[in-house]
mmCIF file of all heavy atoms, coordinates in Angstrom:
data_MODEL
# 
_entry.id   MODEL 
# 
loop_
_atom_site.group_PDB 
_atom_site.id 
_atom_site.type_symbol 
_atom_site.label_atom_id 
_atom_site.label_alt_id 
_atom_site.label_comp_id 
_atom_site.label_asym_id 
_atom_site.label_entity_id 
_atom_site.label_seq_id 
_atom_site.pdbx_PDB_ins_code 
_atom_site.Cartn_x 
_atom_site.Cartn_y 
_atom_site.Cartn_z 
_atom_site.occupancy 
_atom_site.B_iso_or_equiv 
_atom_site.pdbx_formal_charge 
_atom_site.auth_seq_id 
_atom_site.auth_comp_id 
_atom_site.auth_asym_id 
_atom_site.auth_atom_id 
_atom_site.pdbx_PDB_model_num 
ATOM 1   N N   . GLU A 1 1  ? -136.865 162.910 -113.314 1.00 0.00 ? 1  GLU A N   1 
ATOM 2   C CA  . GLU A 1 1  ? -136.515 162.107 -114.494 1.00 0.00 ? 1  GLU A CA  1 
ATOM 3   C C   . GLU A 1 1  ? -135.062 162.442 -114.858 1.00 0.00 ? 1  GLU A C   1 
ATOM 4   O O   . GLU A 1 1  ? -134.553 163.452 -114.624 1.00 0.00 ? 1  GLU A O   1 
ATOM 5   C CB  . GLU A 1 1  ? -137.376 162.244 -115.607 1.00 0.00 ? 1  GLU A CB  1 
ATOM 6   C CG  . GLU A 1 1  ? -138.832 161.764 -115.422 1.00 0.00 ? 1  GLU A CG  1 
ATOM 7   C CD  . GLU A 1 1  ? -138.923 160.319 -115.195 1.00 0.00 ? 1  GLU A CD  1 
ATOM 8   O OE1 . GLU A 1 1  ? -138.099 159.548 -115.746 1.00 0.00 ? 1  GLU A OE1 1 
ATOM 9   O OE2 . GLU A 1 1  ? -139.878 159.840 -114.465 1.00 0.00 ? 1  GLU A OE2 1 
ATOM 10  N N   . ASN A 1 2  ? -134.467 161.468 -115.576 1.00 0.00 ? 2  ASN A N   1 
ATOM 11  C CA  . ASN A 1 2  ? -133.041 161.573 -116.106 1.00 0.00 ? 2  ASN A CA  1 
ATOM 12  C C   . ASN A 1 2  ? -133.213 162.385 -117.317 1.00 0.00 ? 2  ASN A C   1 
ATOM 13  O O   . ASN A 1 2  ? -133.992 162.080 -118.306 1.00 0.00 ? 2  ASN A O   1 
ATOM 14  C CB  . ASN A 1 2  ? -132.590 160.207 -116.341 1.00 0.00 ? 2  ASN A CB  1 
ATOM 15  C CG  . ASN A 1 2  ? -131.343 159.883 -115.594 1.00 0.00 ? 2  ASN A CG  1 
ATOM 16  O OD1 . ASN A 1 2  ? -130.571 160.772 -115.197 1.00 0.00 ? 2  ASN A OD1 1 
ATOM 17  N ND2 . ASN A 1 2  ? -131.181 158.540 -115.234 1.00 0.00 ? 2  ASN A ND2 1 
ATOM 18  N N   . THR A 1 3  ? -132.221 163.294 -117.464 1.00 0.00 ? 3  THR A N   1 
ATOM 19  C CA  . THR A 1 3  ? -132.025 164.052 -118.763 1.00 0.00 ? 3  THR A CA  1 
ATOM 20  C C   . THR A 1 3  ? -131.868 163.132 -119.931 1.00 0.00 ? 3  THR A C   1 
ATOM 21  O O   . THR A 1 3  ? -130.973 162.175 -119.837 1.00 0.00 ? 3  THR A O   1 
ATOM 22  C CB  . THR A 1 3  ? -130.866 165.091 -118.665 1.00 0.00 ? 3  THR A CB  1 
ATOM 23  O OG1 . THR A 1 3  ? -131.091 165.884 -117.632 1.00 0.00 ? 3  THR A OG1 1 
ATOM 24  C CG2 . THR A 1 3  ? -130.651 165.752 -119.945 1.00 0.00 ? 3  THR A CG2 1 
ATOM 25  N N   . GLY A 1 4  ? -132.768 163.243 -121.025 1.00 0.00 ? 4  GLY A N   1 
ATOM 26  C CA  . GLY A 1 4  ? -132.567 162.498 -122.095 1.00 0.00 ? 4  GLY A CA  1 
ATOM 27  C C   . GLY A 1 4  ? -133.469 161.189 -122.088 1.00 0.00 ? 4  GLY A C   1 
ATOM 28  O O   . GLY A 1 4  ? -133.401 160.405 -123.078 1.00 0.00 ? 4  GLY A O   1 
ATOM 29  N N   . TYR A 1 5  ? -134.195 160.885 -121.007 1.00 0.00 ? 5  TYR A N   1 
ATOM 30  C CA  . TYR A 1 5  ? -134.958 159.707 -120.958 1.00 0.00 ? 5  TYR A CA  1 
ATOM 31  C C   . TYR A 1 5  ? -136.268 159.832 -121.793 1.00 0.00 ? 5  TYR A C   1 
ATOM 32  O O   . TYR A 1 5  ? -136.814 160.924 -121.918 1.00 0.00 ? 5  TYR A O   1 
ATOM 33  C CB  . TYR A 1 5  ? -135.402 159.487 -119.465 1.00 0.00 ? 5  TYR A CB  1 
ATOM 34  C CG  . TYR A 1 5  ? -134.451 158.537 -118.753 1.00 0.00 ? 5  TYR A CG  1 
ATOM 35  C CD1 . TYR A 1 5  ? -133.183 158.332 -119.113 1.00 0.00 ? 5  TYR A CD1 1 
ATOM 36  C CD2 . TYR A 1 5  ? -134.964 157.764 -117.681 1.00 0.00 ? 5  TYR A CD2 1 
ATOM 37  C CE1 . TYR A 1 5  ? -132.254 157.503 -118.451 1.00 0.00 ? 5  TYR A CE1 1 
ATOM 38  C CE2 . TYR A 1 5  ? -134.083 156.832 -116.960 1.00 0.00 ? 5  TYR A CE2 1 
ATOM 39  C CZ  . TYR A 1 5  ? -132.765 156.773 -117.435 1.00 0.00 ? 5  TYR A CZ  1 
ATOM 40  O OH  . TYR A 1 5  ? -131.924 155.826 -116.751 1.00 0.00 ? 5  TYR A OH  1 
ATOM 41  N N   . VAL A 1 6  ? -136.750 158.837 -122.251 1.00 0.00 ? 6  VAL A N   1 
ATOM 42  C CA  . VAL A 1 6  ? -137.966 158.719 -123.103 1.00 0.00 ? 6  VAL A CA  1 
ATOM 43  C C   . VAL A 1 6  ? -139.201 159.110 -122.386 1.00 0.00 ? 6  VAL A C   1 
ATOM 44  O O   . VAL A 1 6  ? -140.100 159.549 -122.889 1.00 0.00 ? 6  VAL A O   1 
ATOM 45  C CB  . VAL A 1 6  ? -138.163 157.406 -123.843 1.00 0.00 ? 6  VAL A CB  1 
ATOM 46  C CG1 . VAL A 1 6  ? -136.902 156.982 -124.814 1.00 0.00 ? 6  VAL A CG1 1 
ATOM 47  C CG2 . VAL A 1 6  ? -138.466 156.255 -122.941 1.00 0.00 ? 6  VAL A CG2 1 
ATOM 48  N N   . GLU A 1 7  ? -139.097 158.961 -121.036 1.00 0.00 ? 7  GLU A N   1 
ATOM 49  C CA  . GLU A 1 7  ? -140.225 159.232 -120.155 1.00 0.00 ? 7  GLU A CA  1 
ATOM 50  C C   . GLU A 1 7  ? -140.508 160.805 -120.279 1.00 0.00 ? 7  GLU A C   1 
ATOM 51  O O   . GLU A 1 7  ? -141.653 161.262 -120.015 1.00 0.00 ? 7  GLU A O   1 
ATOM 52  C CB  . GLU A 1 7  ? -140.163 158.657 -118.809 1.00 0.00 ? 7  GLU A CB  1 
ATOM 53  C CG  . GLU A 1 7  ? -139.982 157.207 -118.569 1.00 0.00 ? 7  GLU A CG  1 
ATOM 54  C CD  . GLU A 1 7  ? -138.721 156.593 -118.970 1.00 0.00 ? 7  GLU A CD  1 
ATOM 55  O OE1 . GLU A 1 7  ? -137.760 157.295 -119.420 1.00 0.00 ? 7  GLU A OE1 1 
ATOM 56  O OE2 . GLU A 1 7  ? -138.695 155.350 -118.920 1.00 0.00 ? 7  GLU A OE2 1 
ATOM 57  N N   . VAL A 1 8  ? -139.559 161.606 -120.400 1.00 0.00 ? 8  VAL A N   1 
ATOM 58  C CA  . VAL A 1 8  ? -139.729 163.030 -120.405 1.00 0.00 ? 8  VAL A CA  1 
ATOM 59  C C   . VAL A 1 8  ? -140.750 163.562 -121.300 1.00 0.00 ? 8  VAL A C   1 
ATOM 60  O O   . VAL A 1 8  ? -141.615 164.294 -121.020 1.00 0.00 ? 8  VAL A O   1 
ATOM 61  C CB  . VAL A 1 8  ? -138.291 163.745 -120.520 1.00 0.00 ? 8  VAL A CB  1 
ATOM 62  C CG1 . VAL A 1 8  ? -138.555 165.271 -120.527 1.00 0.00 ? 8  VAL A CG1 1 
ATOM 63  C CG2 . VAL A 1 8  ? -137.361 163.351 -119.351 1.00 0.00 ? 8  VAL A CG2 1 
ATOM 64  N N   . PRO A 1 9  ? -140.608 163.353 -122.634 1.00 0.00 ? 9  PRO A N   1 
ATOM 65  C CA  . PRO A 1 9  ? -141.650 163.684 -123.538 1.00 0.00 ? 9  PRO A CA  1 
ATOM 66  C C   . PRO A 1 9  ? -143.050 163.161 -123.281 1.00 0.00 ? 9  PRO A C   1 
ATOM 67  O O   . PRO A 1 9  ? -144.029 163.857 -123.517 1.00 0.00 ? 9  PRO A O   1 
ATOM 68  C CB  . PRO A 1 9  ? -141.084 163.461 -124.929 1.00 0.00 ? 9  PRO A CB  1 
ATOM 69  C CG  . PRO A 1 9  ? -140.092 162.318 -124.690 1.00 0.00 ? 9  PRO A CG  1 
ATOM 70  C CD  . PRO A 1 9  ? -139.484 162.624 -123.360 1.00 0.00 ? 9  PRO A CD  1 
ATOM 71  N N   . LEU A 1 10 ? -143.072 161.954 -122.769 1.00 0.00 ? 10 LEU A N   1 
ATOM 72  C CA  . LEU A 1 10 ? -144.391 161.365 -122.497 1.00 0.00 ? 10 LEU A CA  1 
ATOM 73  C C   . LEU A 1 10 ? -145.011 162.171 -121.410 1.00 0.00 ? 10 LEU A C   1 
ATOM 74  O O   . LEU A 1 10 ? -146.250 162.323 -121.438 1.00 0.00 ? 10 LEU A O   1 
ATOM 75  C CB  . LEU A 1 10 ? -144.216 159.834 -122.168 1.00 0.00 ? 10 LEU A CB  1 
ATOM 76  C CG  . LEU A 1 10 ? -143.577 158.917 -123.141 1.00 0.00 ? 10 LEU A CG  1 
ATOM 77  C CD1 . LEU A 1 10 ? -143.421 157.515 -122.635 1.00 0.00 ? 10 LEU A CD1 1 
ATOM 78  C CD2 . LEU A 1 10 ? -144.575 158.897 -124.279 1.00 0.00 ? 10 LEU A CD2 1 
ATOM 79  N N   . ILE A 1 11 ? -144.299 162.560 -120.402 1.00 0.00 ? 11 ILE A N   1 
ATOM 80  C CA  . ILE A 1 11 ? -144.840 163.228 -119.311 1.00 0.00 ? 11 ILE A CA  1 
ATOM 81  C C   . ILE A 1 11 ? -145.227 164.752 -119.806 1.00 0.00 ? 11 ILE A C   1 
ATOM 82  O O   . ILE A 1 11 ? -146.333 165.250 -119.479 1.00 0.00 ? 11 ILE A O   1 
ATOM 83  C CB  . ILE A 1 11 ? -143.888 163.409 -118.135 1.00 0.00 ? 11 ILE A CB  1 
ATOM 84  C CG1 . ILE A 1 11 ? -143.720 162.026 -117.464 1.00 0.00 ? 11 ILE A CG1 1 
ATOM 85  C CG2 . ILE A 1 11 ? -144.425 164.359 -117.048 1.00 0.00 ? 11 ILE A CG2 1 
ATOM 86  C CD1 . ILE A 1 11 ? -142.644 161.919 -116.492 1.00 0.00 ? 11 ILE A CD1 1 
ATOM 87  N N   . GLN A 1 12 ? -144.426 165.305 -120.556 1.00 0.00 ? 12 GLN A N   1 
ATOM 88  C CA  . GLN A 1 12 ? -144.611 166.651 -121.166 1.00 0.00 ? 12 GLN A CA  1 
ATOM 89  C C   . GLN A 1 12 ? -145.905 166.675 -121.955 1.00 0.00 ? 12 GLN A C   1 
ATOM 90  O O   . GLN A 1 12 ? -146.641 167.614 -122.000 1.00 0.00 ? 12 GLN A O   1 
ATOM 91  C CB  . GLN A 1 12 ? -143.459 167.128 -122.018 1.00 0.00 ? 12 GLN A CB  1 
ATOM 92  C CG  . GLN A 1 12 ? -142.230 167.481 -121.215 1.00 0.00 ? 12 GLN A CG  1 
ATOM 93  C CD  . GLN A 1 12 ? -141.047 167.762 -122.077 1.00 0.00 ? 12 GLN A CD  1 
ATOM 94  O OE1 . GLN A 1 12 ? -140.857 167.184 -123.124 1.00 0.00 ? 12 GLN A OE1 1 
ATOM 95  N NE2 . GLN A 1 12 ? -140.132 168.457 -121.560 1.00 0.00 ? 12 GLN A NE2 1 
ATOM 96  N N   . ASP A 1 13 ? -146.177 165.547 -122.633 1.00 0.00 ? 13 ASP A N   1 
ATOM 97  C CA  . ASP A 1 13 ? -147.406 165.513 -123.580 1.00 0.00 ? 13 ASP A CA  1 
ATOM 98  C C   . ASP A 1 13 ? -148.653 165.520 -122.742 1.00 0.00 ? 13 ASP A C   1 
ATOM 99  O O   . ASP A 1 13 ? -149.802 165.740 -123.282 1.00 0.00 ? 13 ASP A O   1 
ATOM 100 C CB  . ASP A 1 13 ? -147.268 164.181 -124.358 1.00 0.00 ? 13 ASP A CB  1 
ATOM 101 C CG  . ASP A 1 13 ? -146.253 164.218 -125.510 1.00 0.00 ? 13 ASP A CG  1 
ATOM 102 O OD1 . ASP A 1 13 ? -145.858 165.294 -125.863 1.00 0.00 ? 13 ASP A OD1 1 
ATOM 103 O OD2 . ASP A 1 13 ? -146.058 163.070 -126.013 1.00 0.00 ? 13 ASP A OD2 1 
ATOM 104 N N   . LEU A 1 14 ? -148.558 165.218 -121.297 1.00 0.00 ? 14 LEU A N   1 
ATOM 105 C CA  . LEU A 1 14 ? -149.741 165.419 -120.525 1.00 0.00 ? 14 LEU A CA  1 
ATOM 106 C C   . LEU A 1 14 ? -150.192 166.773 -120.218 1.00 0.00 ? 14 LEU A C   1 
ATOM 107 O O   . LEU A 1 14 ? -151.373 166.982 -119.848 1.00 0.00 ? 14 LEU A O   1 
ATOM 108 C CB  . LEU A 1 14 ? -149.473 164.746 -119.242 1.00 0.00 ? 14 LEU A CB  1 
ATOM 109 C CG  . LEU A 1 14 ? -149.270 163.182 -119.211 1.00 0.00 ? 14 LEU A CG  1 
ATOM 110 C CD1 . LEU A 1 14 ? -148.808 162.675 -117.848 1.00 0.00 ? 14 LEU A CD1 1 
ATOM 111 C CD2 . LEU A 1 14 ? -150.526 162.370 -119.637 1.00 0.00 ? 14 LEU A CD2 1 
ATOM 112 N N   . ALA A 1 15 ? -149.210 167.718 -120.422 1.00 0.00 ? 15 ALA A N   1 
ATOM 113 C CA  . ALA A 1 15 ? -149.575 169.178 -120.031 1.00 0.00 ? 15 ALA A CA  1 
ATOM 114 C C   . ALA A 1 15 ? -150.806 169.780 -120.701 1.00 0.00 ? 15 ALA A C   1 
ATOM 115 O O   . ALA A 1 15 ? -151.781 170.199 -119.930 1.00 0.00 ? 15 ALA A O   1 
ATOM 116 C CB  . ALA A 1 15 ? -148.282 170.035 -120.377 1.00 0.00 ? 15 ALA A CB  1 
ATOM 117 N N   . PRO A 1 16 ? -150.988 169.682 -122.099 1.00 0.00 ? 16 PRO A N   1 
ATOM 118 C CA  . PRO A 1 16 ? -152.192 170.253 -122.546 1.00 0.00 ? 16 PRO A CA  1 
ATOM 119 C C   . PRO A 1 16 ? -153.578 169.481 -122.138 1.00 0.00 ? 16 PRO A C   1 
ATOM 120 O O   . PRO A 1 16 ? -154.556 170.069 -121.965 1.00 0.00 ? 16 PRO A O   1 
ATOM 121 C CB  . PRO A 1 16 ? -151.962 170.196 -124.082 1.00 0.00 ? 16 PRO A CB  1 
ATOM 122 C CG  . PRO A 1 16 ? -150.994 169.019 -124.319 1.00 0.00 ? 16 PRO A CG  1 
ATOM 123 C CD  . PRO A 1 16 ? -150.075 169.213 -123.029 1.00 0.00 ? 16 PRO A CD  1 
ATOM 124 N N   . LYS A 1 17 ? -153.365 168.152 -121.906 1.00 0.00 ? 17 LYS A N   1 
ATOM 125 C CA  . LYS A 1 17 ? -154.570 167.462 -121.585 1.00 0.00 ? 17 LYS A CA  1 
ATOM 126 C C   . LYS A 1 17 ? -155.030 167.873 -120.031 1.00 0.00 ? 17 LYS A C   1 
ATOM 127 O O   . LYS A 1 17 ? -156.107 168.020 -119.801 1.00 0.00 ? 17 LYS A O   1 
ATOM 128 C CB  . LYS A 1 17 ? -154.222 165.911 -121.569 1.00 0.00 ? 17 LYS A CB  1 
ATOM 129 C CG  . LYS A 1 17 ? -153.839 165.412 -122.990 1.00 0.00 ? 17 LYS A CG  1 
ATOM 130 C CD  . LYS A 1 17 ? -153.382 163.938 -122.880 1.00 0.00 ? 17 LYS A CD  1 
ATOM 131 C CE  . LYS A 1 17 ? -152.934 163.463 -124.298 1.00 0.00 ? 17 LYS A CE  1 
ATOM 132 N NZ  . LYS A 1 17 ? -152.392 162.096 -124.161 1.00 0.00 ? 17 LYS A NZ  1 
ATOM 133 N N   . CYS A 1 18 ? -154.032 168.058 -119.251 1.00 0.00 ? 18 CYS A N   1 
ATOM 134 C CA  . CYS A 1 18 ? -154.298 168.507 -117.861 1.00 0.00 ? 18 CYS A CA  1 
ATOM 135 C C   . CYS A 1 18 ? -154.996 169.808 -117.892 1.00 0.00 ? 18 CYS A C   1 
ATOM 136 O O   . CYS A 1 18 ? -155.923 170.001 -117.216 1.00 0.00 ? 18 CYS A O   1 
ATOM 137 C CB  . CYS A 1 18 ? -153.010 168.463 -116.976 1.00 0.00 ? 18 CYS A CB  1 
ATOM 138 S SG  . CYS A 1 18 ? -152.326 166.897 -116.745 1.00 0.00 ? 18 CYS A SG  1 
ATOM 139 N N   . GLU A 1 19 ? -154.343 170.783 -118.758 1.00 0.00 ? 19 GLU A N   1 
ATOM 140 C CA  . GLU A 1 19 ? -154.768 172.048 -118.649 1.00 0.00 ? 19 GLU A CA  1 
ATOM 141 C C   . GLU A 1 19 ? -156.176 172.212 -119.283 1.00 0.00 ? 19 GLU A C   1 
ATOM 142 O O   . GLU A 1 19 ? -156.919 173.022 -118.884 1.00 0.00 ? 19 GLU A O   1 
ATOM 143 C CB  . GLU A 1 19 ? -153.674 173.061 -119.321 1.00 0.00 ? 19 GLU A CB  1 
ATOM 144 C CG  . GLU A 1 19 ? -152.456 173.189 -118.624 1.00 0.00 ? 19 GLU A CG  1 
ATOM 145 C CD  . GLU A 1 19 ? -151.299 173.855 -119.395 1.00 0.00 ? 19 GLU A CD  1 
ATOM 146 O OE1 . GLU A 1 19 ? -151.444 173.894 -120.642 1.00 0.00 ? 19 GLU A OE1 1 
ATOM 147 O OE2 . GLU A 1 19 ? -150.475 174.393 -118.746 1.00 0.00 ? 19 GLU A OE2 1 
ATOM 148 N N   . ALA A 1 20 ? -156.477 171.337 -120.278 1.00 0.00 ? 20 ALA A N   1 
ATOM 149 C CA  . ALA A 1 20 ? -157.787 171.367 -120.803 1.00 0.00 ? 20 ALA A CA  1 
ATOM 150 C C   . ALA A 1 20 ? -158.885 170.855 -119.766 1.00 0.00 ? 20 ALA A C   1 
ATOM 151 O O   . ALA A 1 20 ? -160.019 171.379 -119.987 1.00 0.00 ? 20 ALA A O   1 
ATOM 152 C CB  . ALA A 1 20 ? -157.913 170.309 -121.983 1.00 0.00 ? 20 ALA A CB  1 
ATOM 153 N N   . GLU A 1 21 ? -158.520 170.211 -118.781 1.00 0.00 ? 21 GLU A N   1 
ATOM 154 C CA  . GLU A 1 21 ? -159.449 169.866 -117.744 1.00 0.00 ? 21 GLU A CA  1 
ATOM 155 C C   . GLU A 1 21 ? -159.274 170.765 -116.531 1.00 0.00 ? 21 GLU A C   1 
ATOM 156 O O   . GLU A 1 21 ? -159.886 170.465 -115.544 1.00 0.00 ? 21 GLU A O   1 
ATOM 157 C CB  . GLU A 1 21 ? -159.215 168.469 -117.217 1.00 0.00 ? 21 GLU A CB  1 
ATOM 158 C CG  . GLU A 1 21 ? -159.585 167.379 -118.325 1.00 0.00 ? 21 GLU A CG  1 
ATOM 159 C CD  . GLU A 1 21 ? -159.672 165.958 -117.908 1.00 0.00 ? 21 GLU A CD  1 
ATOM 160 O OE1 . GLU A 1 21 ? -159.588 165.910 -116.616 1.00 0.00 ? 21 GLU A OE1 1 
ATOM 161 O OE2 . GLU A 1 21 ? -159.878 165.099 -118.642 1.00 0.00 ? 21 GLU A OE2 1 
ATOM 162 N N   . GLY A 1 22 ? -158.664 171.900 -116.692 1.00 0.00 ? 22 GLY A N   1 
ATOM 163 C CA  . GLY A 1 22 ? -158.480 172.857 -115.692 1.00 0.00 ? 22 GLY A CA  1 
ATOM 164 C C   . GLY A 1 22 ? -157.454 172.391 -114.482 1.00 0.00 ? 22 GLY A C   1 
ATOM 165 O O   . GLY A 1 22 ? -157.645 172.928 -113.319 1.00 0.00 ? 22 GLY A O   1 
ATOM 166 N N   . LYS A 1 23 ? -156.660 171.473 -114.751 1.00 0.00 ? 23 LYS A N   1 
ATOM 167 C CA  . LYS A 1 23 ? -155.791 170.946 -113.720 1.00 0.00 ? 23 LYS A CA  1 
ATOM 168 C C   . LYS A 1 23 ? -154.312 171.485 -114.110 1.00 0.00 ? 23 LYS A C   1 
ATOM 169 O O   . LYS A 1 23 ? -154.013 171.694 -115.266 1.00 0.00 ? 23 LYS A O   1 
ATOM 170 C CB  . LYS A 1 23 ? -155.749 169.446 -113.740 1.00 0.00 ? 23 LYS A CB  1 
ATOM 171 C CG  . LYS A 1 23 ? -157.112 168.884 -113.471 1.00 0.00 ? 23 LYS A CG  1 
ATOM 172 C CD  . LYS A 1 23 ? -157.121 167.291 -113.445 1.00 0.00 ? 23 LYS A CD  1 
ATOM 173 C CE  . LYS A 1 23 ? -158.443 166.755 -113.311 1.00 0.00 ? 23 LYS A CE  1 
ATOM 174 N NZ  . LYS A 1 23 ? -158.364 165.202 -113.345 1.00 0.00 ? 23 LYS A NZ  1 
ATOM 175 N N   . PRO A 1 24 ? -153.526 171.624 -113.030 1.00 0.00 ? 24 PRO A N   1 
ATOM 176 C CA  . PRO A 1 24 ? -152.099 172.007 -113.241 1.00 0.00 ? 24 PRO A CA  1 
ATOM 177 C C   . PRO A 1 24 ? -151.372 170.936 -114.195 1.00 0.00 ? 24 PRO A C   1 
ATOM 178 O O   . PRO A 1 24 ? -151.617 169.696 -114.012 1.00 0.00 ? 24 PRO A O   1 
ATOM 179 C CB  . PRO A 1 24 ? -151.509 172.224 -111.983 1.00 0.00 ? 24 PRO A CB  1 
ATOM 180 C CG  . PRO A 1 24 ? -152.669 172.162 -110.966 1.00 0.00 ? 24 PRO A CG  1 
ATOM 181 C CD  . PRO A 1 24 ? -153.689 171.397 -111.613 1.00 0.00 ? 24 PRO A CD  1 
ATOM 182 N N   . LYS A 1 25 ? -150.402 171.362 -114.918 1.00 0.00 ? 25 LYS A N   1 
ATOM 183 C CA  . LYS A 1 25 ? -149.574 170.470 -115.658 1.00 0.00 ? 25 LYS A CA  1 
ATOM 184 C C   . LYS A 1 25 ? -148.587 169.898 -114.827 1.00 0.00 ? 25 LYS A C   1 
ATOM 185 O O   . LYS A 1 25 ? -148.235 170.367 -113.775 1.00 0.00 ? 25 LYS A O   1 
ATOM 186 C CB  . LYS A 1 25 ? -148.936 171.154 -116.837 1.00 0.00 ? 25 LYS A CB  1 
ATOM 187 C CG  . LYS A 1 25 ? -147.891 172.153 -116.504 1.00 0.00 ? 25 LYS A CG  1 
ATOM 188 C CD  . LYS A 1 25 ? -147.302 172.834 -117.632 1.00 0.00 ? 25 LYS A CD  1 
ATOM 189 C CE  . LYS A 1 25 ? -146.230 173.860 -117.172 1.00 0.00 ? 25 LYS A CE  1 
ATOM 190 N NZ  . LYS A 1 25 ? -145.618 174.597 -118.251 1.00 0.00 ? 25 LYS A NZ  1 
# 
């Protein structure tokens, strides 16, 4: 992703959801 793009925090927000299901972020 491009530095500063709005997609970056949207992808980062997936981390706890993935880890809650035992999957890598």
